[in-house]
Amino acid sequence: MTAKNPNPVLTRADIESKIDLLRRTRIAFNERMAQRDAAVAKINEEHTPGLEKSAQLAQTLEADILTWAQENRAAEFGESKSLEFSSGAKIQFRLGNKVVVFAAGKNEKKVIDALKRRKLGIFIKVAESLDKNLIKSSWGGKLLPANVAKALGLRLEQEEKPTLDVPLATAGKEQA
């Protein structure tokens, strides 16, 4: 959906004026982006080492705590699925999402073969789709002659779109 342009372009002079305004706007935008990027780089340089150190420490502490919980589940938790600490922190054992895994000595091929023998193919994925990139690159060649592609019901389309190249510095004009 495109918005209606309240100021339609009527002449080439209008276009020249708009191009000049666009050029100046892009220059100002680029300058603001450079200022912002410099400020962000300075902040990152100042804070990143401390953030990385804190994140690494937090990750190590959490891993140690969860390993302790796993190793001491029977002694510390008993039948309970959670344990609360004086700080208000709580360690909980929760069931995760169900995951299909292969039994010992089985692999995907063996299970697929067993499903086929038992006529349970409904559990086997079969996905067919066109390789459009291969079609585009092969169009009109030995692999896919154009007449064959057309007989199959395919068309190769390419939309022509205008592009705009606005140099930020022009002859006789400095970057503002």
C-alpha atoms as a PDB file:
ATOM      1  CA  MET A   1       0.000   0.000   0.000  1.00  0.00           C
ATOM      2  CA  THR A   2       1.496   3.303  -1.029  1.00  0.00           C
ATOM      3  CA  ALA A   3       0.562   6.646   0.451  1.00  0.00           C
ATOM      4  CA  LYS A   4      -0.758   9.290  -1.888  1.00  0.00           C
ATOM      5  CA  ASN A   5       1.855  11.923  -2.594  1.00  0.00           C
ATOM      6  CA  PRO A   6       0.438  15.328  -1.597  1.00  0.00           C
ATOM      7  CA  ASN A   7       3.161  17.061  -3.649  1.00  0.00           C
ATOM      8  CA  PRO A   8       3.280  15.425  -7.072  1.00  0.00           C
ATOM      9  CA  VAL A   9       6.396  16.073  -9.136  1.00  0.00           C
ATOM     10  CA  LEU A  10       5.511  18.150 -12.132  1.00  0.00           C
ATOM     11  CA  THR A  11       8.760  19.184 -13.810  1.00  0.00           C
ATOM     12  CA  ARG A  12      12.396  18.207 -14.170  1.00  0.00           C
ATOM     13  CA  ALA A  13      13.272  21.269 -12.056  1.00  0.00           C
ATOM     14  CA  ASP A  14      11.095  19.798  -9.280  1.00  0.00           C
ATOM     15  CA  ILE A  15      13.127  16.593  -9.544  1.00  0.00           C
ATOM     16  CA  GLU A  16      16.436  18.500  -9.433  1.00  0.00           C
ATOM     17  CA  SER A  17      15.248  20.294  -6.296  1.00  0.00           C
ATOM     18  CA  LYS A  18      14.131  17.062  -4.650  1.00  0.00           C
ATOM     19  CA  ILE A  19      17.419  15.337  -5.540  1.00  0.00           C
ATOM     20  CA  ASP A  20      19.377  18.197  -3.963  1.00  0.00           C
ATOM     21  CA  LEU A  21      17.216  18.018  -0.823  1.00  0.00           C
ATOM     22  CA  LEU A  22      17.673  14.225  -0.736  1.00  0.00           C
ATOM     23  CA  ARG A  23      21.457  14.620  -1.077  1.00  0.00           C
ATOM     24  CA  ARG A  24      21.619  17.125   1.803  1.00  0.00           C
ATOM     25  CA  THR A  25      19.305  14.954   3.925  1.00  0.00           C
ATOM     26  CA  ARG A  26      21.493  11.881   3.358  1.00  0.00           C
ATOM     27  CA  ILE A  27      24.633  13.833   4.240  1.00  0.00           C
ATOM     28  CA  ALA A  28      23.033  15.028   7.496  1.00  0.00           C
ATOM     29  CA  PHE A  29      21.801  11.501   8.227  1.00  0.00           C
ATOM     30  CA  ASN A  30      25.281  10.031   7.630  1.00  0.00           C
ATOM     31  CA  GLU A  31      26.856  12.626   9.925  1.00  0.00           C
ATOM     32  CA  ARG A  32      24.364  11.839  12.693  1.00  0.00           C
ATOM     33  CA  MET A  33      24.930   8.105  12.224  1.00  0.00           C
ATOM     34  CA  ALA A  34      28.708   8.615  12.453  1.00  0.00           C
ATOM     35  CA  GLN A  35      28.296  10.626  15.665  1.00  0.00           C
ATOM     36  CA  ARG A  36      26.004   7.979  17.136  1.00  0.00           C
ATOM     37  CA  ASP A  37      28.332   5.145  16.090  1.00  0.00           C
ATOM     38  CA  ALA A  38      31.317   6.924  17.662  1.00  0.00           C
ATOM     39  CA  ALA A  39      29.405   7.415  20.918  1.00  0.00           C
ATOM     40  CA  VAL A  40      28.270   3.772  20.951  1.00  0.00           C
ATOM     41  CA  ALA A  41      31.811   2.572  20.209  1.00  0.00           C
ATOM     42  CA  LYS A  42      33.149   4.651  23.103  1.00  0.00           C
ATOM     43  CA  ILE A  43      30.516   3.267  25.482  1.00  0.00           C
ATOM     44  CA  ASN A  44      31.123  -0.299  24.260  1.00  0.00           C
ATOM     45  CA  GLU A  45      34.875   0.102  24.687  1.00  0.00           C
ATOM     46  CA  GLU A  46      34.341   1.331  28.233  1.00  0.00           C
ATOM     47  CA  HIS A  47      31.739  -1.212  29.377  1.00  0.00           C
ATOM     48  CA  THR A  48      32.253  -4.385  27.333  1.00  0.00           C
ATOM     49  CA  PRO A  49      35.149  -5.863  29.346  1.00  0.00           C
ATOM     50  CA  GLY A  50      33.207  -5.545  32.607  1.00  0.00           C
ATOM     51  CA  LEU A  51      30.019  -6.900  31.046  1.00  0.00           C
ATOM     52  CA  GLU A  52      31.849  -9.901  29.589  1.00  0.00           C
ATOM     53  CA  LYS A  53      33.530 -10.606  32.934  1.00  0.00           C
ATOM     54  CA  SER A  54      30.205 -10.380  34.786  1.00  0.00           C
ATOM     55  CA  ALA A  55      28.432 -12.582  32.234  1.00  0.00           C
ATOM     56  CA  GLN A  56      31.160 -15.231  32.429  1.00  0.00           C
ATOM     57  CA  LEU A  57      31.077 -15.220  36.235  1.00  0.00           C
ATOM     58  CA  ALA A  58      27.269 -15.469  36.275  1.00  0.00           C
ATOM     59  CA  GLN A  59      27.361 -18.359  33.802  1.00  0.00           C
ATOM     60  CA  THR A  60      29.988 -20.210  35.866  1.00  0.00           C
ATOM     61  CA  LEU A  61      28.105 -19.660  39.131  1.00  0.00           C
ATOM     62  CA  GLU A  62      24.802 -20.836  37.646  1.00  0.00           C
ATOM     63  CA  ALA A  63      26.443 -23.950  36.171  1.00  0.00           C
ATOM     64  CA  ASP A  64      28.050 -24.731  39.567  1.00  0.00           C
ATOM     65  CA  ILE A  65      24.725 -24.294  41.380  1.00  0.00           C
ATOM     66  CA  LEU A  66      22.778 -26.486  38.938  1.00  0.00           C
ATOM     67  CA  THR A  67      25.496 -29.155  38.975  1.00  0.00           C
ATOM     68  CA  TRP A  68      25.343 -29.157  42.798  1.00  0.00           C
ATOM     69  CA  ALA A  69      21.544 -29.516  42.646  1.00  0.00           C
ATOM     70  CA  GLN A  70      21.768 -32.444  40.223  1.00  0.00           C
ATOM     71  CA  GLU A  71      24.437 -34.209  42.279  1.00  0.00           C
ATOM     72  CA  ASN A  72      22.659 -33.617  45.615  1.00  0.00           C
ATOM     73  CA  ARG A  73      19.057 -34.040  44.548  1.00  0.00           C
ATOM     74  CA  ALA A  74      18.235 -36.981  46.810  1.00  0.00           C
ATOM     75  CA  ALA A  75      19.999 -35.598  49.889  1.00  0.00           C
ATOM     76  CA  GLU A  76      18.867 -31.958  49.614  1.00  0.00           C
ATOM     77  CA  PHE A  77      15.509 -32.174  47.824  1.00  0.00           C
ATOM     78  CA  GLY A  78      14.141 -35.564  48.874  1.00  0.00           C
ATOM     79  CA  GLU A  79      10.760 -36.030  47.199  1.00  0.00           C
ATOM     80  CA  SER A  80      10.362 -32.279  46.649  1.00  0.00           C
ATOM     81  CA  LYS A  81      10.852 -30.811  43.205  1.00  0.00           C
ATOM     82  CA  SER A  82      12.110 -27.479  44.570  1.00  0.00           C
ATOM     83  CA  LEU A  83      14.359 -26.054  47.238  1.00  0.00           C
ATOM     84  CA  GLU A  84      14.174 -22.463  48.484  1.00  0.00           C
ATOM     85  CA  PHE A  85      17.162 -20.668  49.969  1.00  0.00           C
ATOM     86  CA  SER A  86      17.324 -17.902  52.592  1.00  0.00           C
ATOM     87  CA  SER A  87      18.092 -15.379  49.816  1.00  0.00           C
ATOM     88  CA  GLY A  88      14.735 -16.140  48.208  1.00  0.00           C
ATOM     89  CA  ALA A  89      16.370 -18.011  45.344  1.00  0.00           C
ATOM     90  CA  LYS A  90      14.733 -21.275  44.365  1.00  0.00           C
ATOM     91  CA  ILE A  91      16.067 -24.295  42.493  1.00  0.00           C
ATOM     92  CA  GLN A  92      13.361 -26.331  40.810  1.00  0.00           C
ATOM     93  CA  PHE A  93      13.369 -29.589  38.929  1.00  0.00           C
ATOM     94  CA  ARG A  94      10.917 -29.365  36.044  1.00  0.00           C
ATOM     95  CA  LEU A  95      10.104 -31.745  33.250  1.00  0.00           C
ATOM     96  CA  GLY A  96      11.313 -30.407  29.929  1.00  0.00           C
ATOM     97  CA  ASN A  97       9.651 -30.866  26.558  1.00  0.00           C
ATOM     98  CA  LYS A  98       9.328 -34.416  25.307  1.00  0.00           C
ATOM     99  CA  VAL A  99      12.046 -35.431  22.873  1.00  0.00           C
ATOM    100  CA  VAL A 100      12.094 -38.470  20.595  1.00  0.00           C
ATOM    101  CA  VAL A 101      15.409 -40.328  20.902  1.00  0.00           C
ATOM    102  CA  PHE A 102      16.703 -43.561  19.419  1.00  0.00           C
ATOM    103  CA  ALA A 103      16.993 -46.667  21.588  1.00  0.00           C
ATOM    104  CA  ALA A 104      20.382 -48.352  21.875  1.00  0.00           C
ATOM    105  CA  GLY A 105      21.471 -49.802  18.537  1.00  0.00           C
ATOM    106  CA  LYS A 106      18.827 -47.870  16.580  1.00  0.00           C
ATOM    107  CA  ASN A 107      19.239 -44.944  14.231  1.00  0.00           C
ATOM    108  CA  GLU A 108      16.946 -42.939  11.972  1.00  0.00           C
ATOM    109  CA  LYS A 109      17.321 -45.264   8.980  1.00  0.00           C
ATOM    110  CA  LYS A 110      16.499 -48.373  11.041  1.00  0.00           C
ATOM    111  CA  VAL A 111      13.437 -46.702  12.566  1.00  0.00           C
ATOM    112  CA  ILE A 112      12.214 -45.505   9.148  1.00  0.00           C
ATOM    113  CA  ASP A 113      12.608 -49.029   7.746  1.00  0.00           C
ATOM    114  CA  ALA A 114      10.658 -50.445  10.717  1.00  0.00           C
ATOM    115  CA  LEU A 115       7.888 -47.860  10.231  1.00  0.00           C
ATOM    116  CA  LYS A 116       7.610 -48.796   6.542  1.00  0.00           C
ATOM    117  CA  ARG A 117       7.433 -52.535   7.359  1.00  0.00           C
ATOM    118  CA  ARG A 118       4.611 -51.859   9.814  1.00  0.00           C
ATOM    119  CA  LYS A 119       2.827 -49.584   7.302  1.00  0.00           C
ATOM    120  CA  LEU A 120       3.222 -46.573   9.611  1.00  0.00           C
ATOM    121  CA  GLY A 121       4.535 -44.224   6.912  1.00  0.00           C
ATOM    122  CA  ILE A 122       2.377 -41.455   8.333  1.00  0.00           C
ATOM    123  CA  PHE A 123       5.249 -40.769  10.745  1.00  0.00           C
ATOM    124  CA  ILE A 124       7.773 -40.249   7.931  1.00  0.00           C
ATOM    125  CA  LYS A 125       8.182 -36.744   6.489  1.00  0.00           C
ATOM    126  CA  VAL A 126       8.295 -36.393   2.730  1.00  0.00           C
ATOM    127  CA  ALA A 127       8.761 -32.872   1.482  1.00  0.00           C
ATOM    128  CA  GLU A 128       8.895 -31.961  -2.180  1.00  0.00           C
ATOM    129  CA  SER A 129       9.504 -28.447  -3.403  1.00  0.00           C
ATOM    130  CA  LEU A 130      10.933 -26.795  -6.472  1.00  0.00           C
ATOM    131  CA  ASP A 131      14.570 -25.780  -6.403  1.00  0.00           C
ATOM    132  CA  LYS A 132      13.883 -22.357  -7.897  1.00  0.00           C
ATOM    133  CA  ASN A 133      17.523 -21.286  -7.739  1.00  0.00           C
ATOM    134  CA  LEU A 134      18.577 -24.301  -9.807  1.00  0.00           C
ATOM    135  CA  ILE A 135      15.726 -23.641 -12.240  1.00  0.00           C
ATOM    136  CA  LYS A 136      16.820 -19.988 -12.674  1.00  0.00           C
ATOM    137  CA  SER A 137      20.458 -20.921 -13.215  1.00  0.00           C
ATOM    138  CA  SER A 138      19.606 -23.777 -15.612  1.00  0.00           C
ATOM    139  CA  TRP A 139      16.962 -21.960 -17.659  1.00  0.00           C
ATOM    140  CA  GLY A 140      17.663 -22.154 -21.375  1.00  0.00           C
ATOM    141  CA  GLY A 141      20.603 -24.527 -20.959  1.00  0.00           C
ATOM    142  CA  LYS A 142      21.023 -28.260 -21.595  1.00  0.00           C
ATOM    143  CA  LEU A 143      19.573 -29.181 -18.203  1.00  0.00           C
ATOM    144  CA  LEU A 144      16.373 -27.149 -18.684  1.00  0.00           C
ATOM    145  CA  PRO A 145      15.743 -25.837 -22.200  1.00  0.00           C
ATOM    146  CA  ALA A 146      13.399 -22.865 -22.266  1.00  0.00           C
ATOM    147  CA  ASN A 147      10.744 -24.737 -24.312  1.00  0.00           C
ATOM    148  CA  VAL A 148      10.717 -27.583 -21.753  1.00  0.00           C
ATOM    149  CA  ALA A 149      10.383 -25.132 -18.873  1.00  0.00           C
ATOM    150  CA  LYS A 150       7.461 -23.443 -20.639  1.00  0.00           C
ATOM    151  CA  ALA A 151       5.826 -26.811 -21.348  1.00  0.00           C
ATOM    152  CA  LEU A 152       6.075 -27.577 -17.626  1.00  0.00           C
ATOM    153  CA  GLY A 153       4.171 -24.383 -16.891  1.00  0.00           C
ATOM    154  CA  LEU A 154       7.074 -22.210 -15.781  1.00  0.00           C
ATOM    155  CA  ARG A 155       7.882 -18.637 -16.715  1.00  0.00           C
ATOM    156  CA  LEU A 156      10.986 -16.635 -15.946  1.00  0.00           C
ATOM    157  CA  GLU A 157      10.109 -13.061 -15.008  1.00  0.00           C
ATOM    158  CA  GLN A 158      12.264 -10.113 -14.159  1.00  0.00           C
ATOM    159  CA  GLU A 159      10.812  -6.833 -12.994  1.00  0.00           C
ATOM    160  CA  GLU A 160      12.476  -3.619 -14.050  1.00  0.00           C
ATOM    161  CA  LYS A 161      12.680  -1.091 -11.233  1.00  0.00           C
ATOM    162  CA  PRO A 162      14.114   2.419 -11.217  1.00  0.00           C
ATOM    163  CA  THR A 163      17.077   3.097  -8.949  1.00  0.00           C
ATOM    164  CA  LEU A 164      18.437   6.390  -7.723  1.00  0.00           C
ATOM    165  CA  ASP A 165      22.123   7.176  -7.306  1.00  0.00           C
ATOM    166  CA  VAL A 166      22.695  10.439  -5.465  1.00  0.00           C
ATOM    167  CA  PRO A 167      26.354  11.392  -5.078  1.00  0.00           C
ATOM    168  CA  LEU A 168      26.848  13.101  -1.740  1.00  0.00           C
ATOM    169  CA  ALA A 169      29.553  15.349  -3.158  1.00  0.00           C
ATOM    170  CA  THR A 170      28.961  16.902  -6.562  1.00  0.00           C
ATOM    171  CA  ALA A 171      31.111  19.070  -8.772  1.00  0.00           C
ATOM    172  CA  GLY A 172      31.200  22.545  -7.281  1.00  0.00           C
ATOM    173  CA  LYS A 173      29.301  21.513  -4.146  1.00  0.00           C
ATOM    174  CA  GLU A 174      30.897  20.448  -0.882  1.00  0.00           C
ATOM    175  CA  GLN A 175      29.377  17.967   1.503  1.00  0.00           C
ATOM    176  CA  ALA A 176      27.278  20.176   3.720  1.00  0.00           C
END
